[in-house]
Protein backbone atom coordinates (compact mmCIF):
# COMPACT_ATOMS: atom_id res chain seq x y z
CA MET A 1 53.77 -117.72 126.26
CA CYS A 2 52.16 -118.77 129.92
CA THR A 3 49.71 -121.42 129.49
CA GLY A 4 50.64 -122.12 125.87
CA SER A 5 53.39 -124.41 127.41
CA LEU A 6 50.41 -126.66 128.13
CA ILE A 7 49.67 -126.59 124.43
CA LEU A 8 52.94 -127.59 123.61
CA GLY A 9 52.71 -130.12 126.23
CA ALA A 10 49.11 -131.70 124.76
CA ALA A 11 51.00 -131.93 121.66
CA GLY A 12 53.39 -134.46 122.91
CA LEU A 13 56.43 -131.55 122.30
CA LEU A 14 57.62 -131.17 126.12
CA ARG A 15 58.00 -135.04 127.21
CA GLY A 16 61.33 -135.02 129.26
CA LEU A 17 62.25 -131.46 128.61
CA PRO A 18 62.32 -128.65 131.32
CA ALA A 19 59.78 -126.31 130.89
CA THR A 20 57.86 -123.91 132.91
CA THR A 21 54.25 -121.85 132.46
CA TYR A 22 52.09 -119.83 134.85
CA TRP A 23 52.52 -120.88 138.68
CA ALA A 24 48.95 -121.97 139.04
CA SER A 25 49.39 -124.02 135.78
CA ARG A 26 52.83 -125.58 137.12
CA PRO A 27 51.02 -129.02 138.11
CA HIS A 28 50.00 -129.95 134.57
CA LEU A 29 53.51 -129.86 133.32
CA ALA A 30 54.02 -133.32 134.65
CA ASP A 31 50.57 -134.51 132.90
CA ALA A 32 52.42 -133.67 129.91
CA GLY A 33 55.54 -135.57 130.54
CA ALA A 34 57.37 -132.35 131.15
CA LEU A 35 60.12 -131.34 133.87
CA CYS A 36 58.85 -128.58 135.87
CA ALA A 37 61.88 -125.86 135.97
CA PRO A 38 61.76 -123.17 137.85
CA GLY A 39 62.87 -119.58 135.91
CA ARG A 40 60.98 -117.03 133.74
CA PHE A 41 61.40 -118.56 130.90
CA VAL A 42 63.15 -122.09 130.33
CA GLU A 43 64.85 -122.56 126.99
CA ALA A 44 65.11 -126.49 126.12
CA GLY A 45 66.77 -126.44 122.26
CA LYS A 46 64.41 -124.55 119.82
CA ILE A 47 61.29 -124.80 122.48
CA ILE A 48 60.92 -121.58 125.01
CA THR A 49 58.40 -121.68 127.84
CA VAL A 50 57.52 -118.86 129.73
CA ALA A 51 56.23 -118.33 133.27
CA GLY A 52 53.92 -115.27 132.98
CA VAL A 53 53.07 -112.18 131.06
CA SER A 54 56.01 -110.04 132.01
CA ALA A 55 58.53 -113.06 131.65
CA GLY A 56 57.11 -112.99 128.05
CA ILE A 57 58.89 -109.39 127.70
CA ASP A 58 62.05 -111.29 129.19
CA MET A 59 62.14 -114.02 126.95
CA GLY A 60 61.49 -111.59 123.94
CA LEU A 61 64.43 -109.36 125.00
CA HIS A 62 66.74 -112.89 125.02
CA LEU A 63 65.21 -113.91 121.75
CA ALA A 64 66.18 -110.10 120.03
CA ALA A 65 69.73 -110.85 121.69
CA ARG A 66 70.51 -114.03 119.99
CA LEU A 67 68.78 -113.67 117.06
CA SER A 68 70.89 -110.06 116.45
CA ASN A 69 72.74 -109.20 119.55
CA GLU A 70 72.18 -107.58 122.92
CA ARG A 71 72.90 -103.86 121.76
CA VAL A 72 70.06 -104.56 119.71
CA ALA A 73 68.20 -106.11 122.44
CA GLN A 74 68.77 -103.37 124.84
CA ALA A 75 67.73 -100.62 122.51
CA MET A 76 64.57 -102.89 122.37
CA GLN A 77 63.86 -102.56 126.08
CA LEU A 78 64.28 -98.84 126.15
CA ALA A 79 62.11 -98.34 123.12
CA VAL A 80 59.07 -100.19 124.81
CA GLU A 81 60.64 -98.62 128.37
CA TYR A 82 60.77 -102.32 129.90
CA ASP A 83 62.01 -101.09 133.12
CA PRO A 84 60.09 -103.11 135.91
CA ASP A 85 59.70 -101.63 139.31
CA PRO A 86 56.69 -103.02 140.90
CA PRO A 87 54.97 -101.54 143.66
CA PHE A 88 54.85 -105.03 145.90
CA ASP A 89 57.68 -107.92 145.61
CA THR A 90 54.77 -110.61 145.44
CA GLY A 91 55.38 -111.64 141.27
CA SER A 92 56.15 -115.20 142.06
CA PRO A 93 54.29 -117.93 144.33
CA GLU A 94 57.54 -118.42 146.06
CA LYS A 95 57.51 -114.91 147.56
CA THR A 96 54.14 -115.14 148.82
CA GLY A 97 52.08 -116.84 151.72
CA PRO A 98 48.72 -119.59 150.78
CA GLU A 99 46.41 -117.11 151.64
CA LEU A 100 47.67 -114.73 149.03
CA ARG A 101 48.08 -117.83 146.50
CA ARG A 102 44.48 -118.16 146.94
CA LEU A 103 42.77 -114.97 146.61
CA ALA A 104 44.95 -114.87 143.17
CA LEU A 105 43.07 -117.95 142.10
CA GLU A 106 40.25 -116.61 143.36
CA LEU A 107 40.15 -113.49 141.38
CA LEU A 108 41.31 -115.49 138.42
CA ALA A 109 38.40 -118.02 138.50
CA ASP A 110 35.93 -115.01 139.11
CA ALA A 111 37.27 -113.22 136.06
CA ALA A 112 36.88 -116.71 133.92
CA ARG A 113 33.37 -116.64 135.01
CA GLU A 114 32.88 -112.92 134.05
CA ALA A 115 34.29 -113.48 130.62
CA GLU A 116 32.07 -116.51 129.86
CA GLY A 117 28.87 -114.15 130.50
CA PRO A 118 25.50 -115.04 131.80
CA ARG A 119 24.51 -118.92 131.53
CA THR A 120 21.34 -119.95 129.60
CA GLU A 121 19.44 -122.78 130.78
């Protein structure tokens, strides 16, 4: 999910295929030879790429419907009580401005640095 599409791309599995990934990583899809496509998940043959964490749930329900049927997928959605109702309408970069995107990237970078822990030199 999410940036996992970059791993598929690095393995050469996305060359010439439409794909998606987390919004901040979309520019890297072209480096892998993929065609950046809009959507929460993008299906290209036997490969499905996903835009973000909650889009992974959408993709999972889509797969459940394909592997079983829509009724089973609907029951699974109810079982996990997946009923999105976000408090803000800023869940994709297309719905925000550059300032909010910049802040989101800063927060992600800060979290990554924190996860690395203290540096020993």
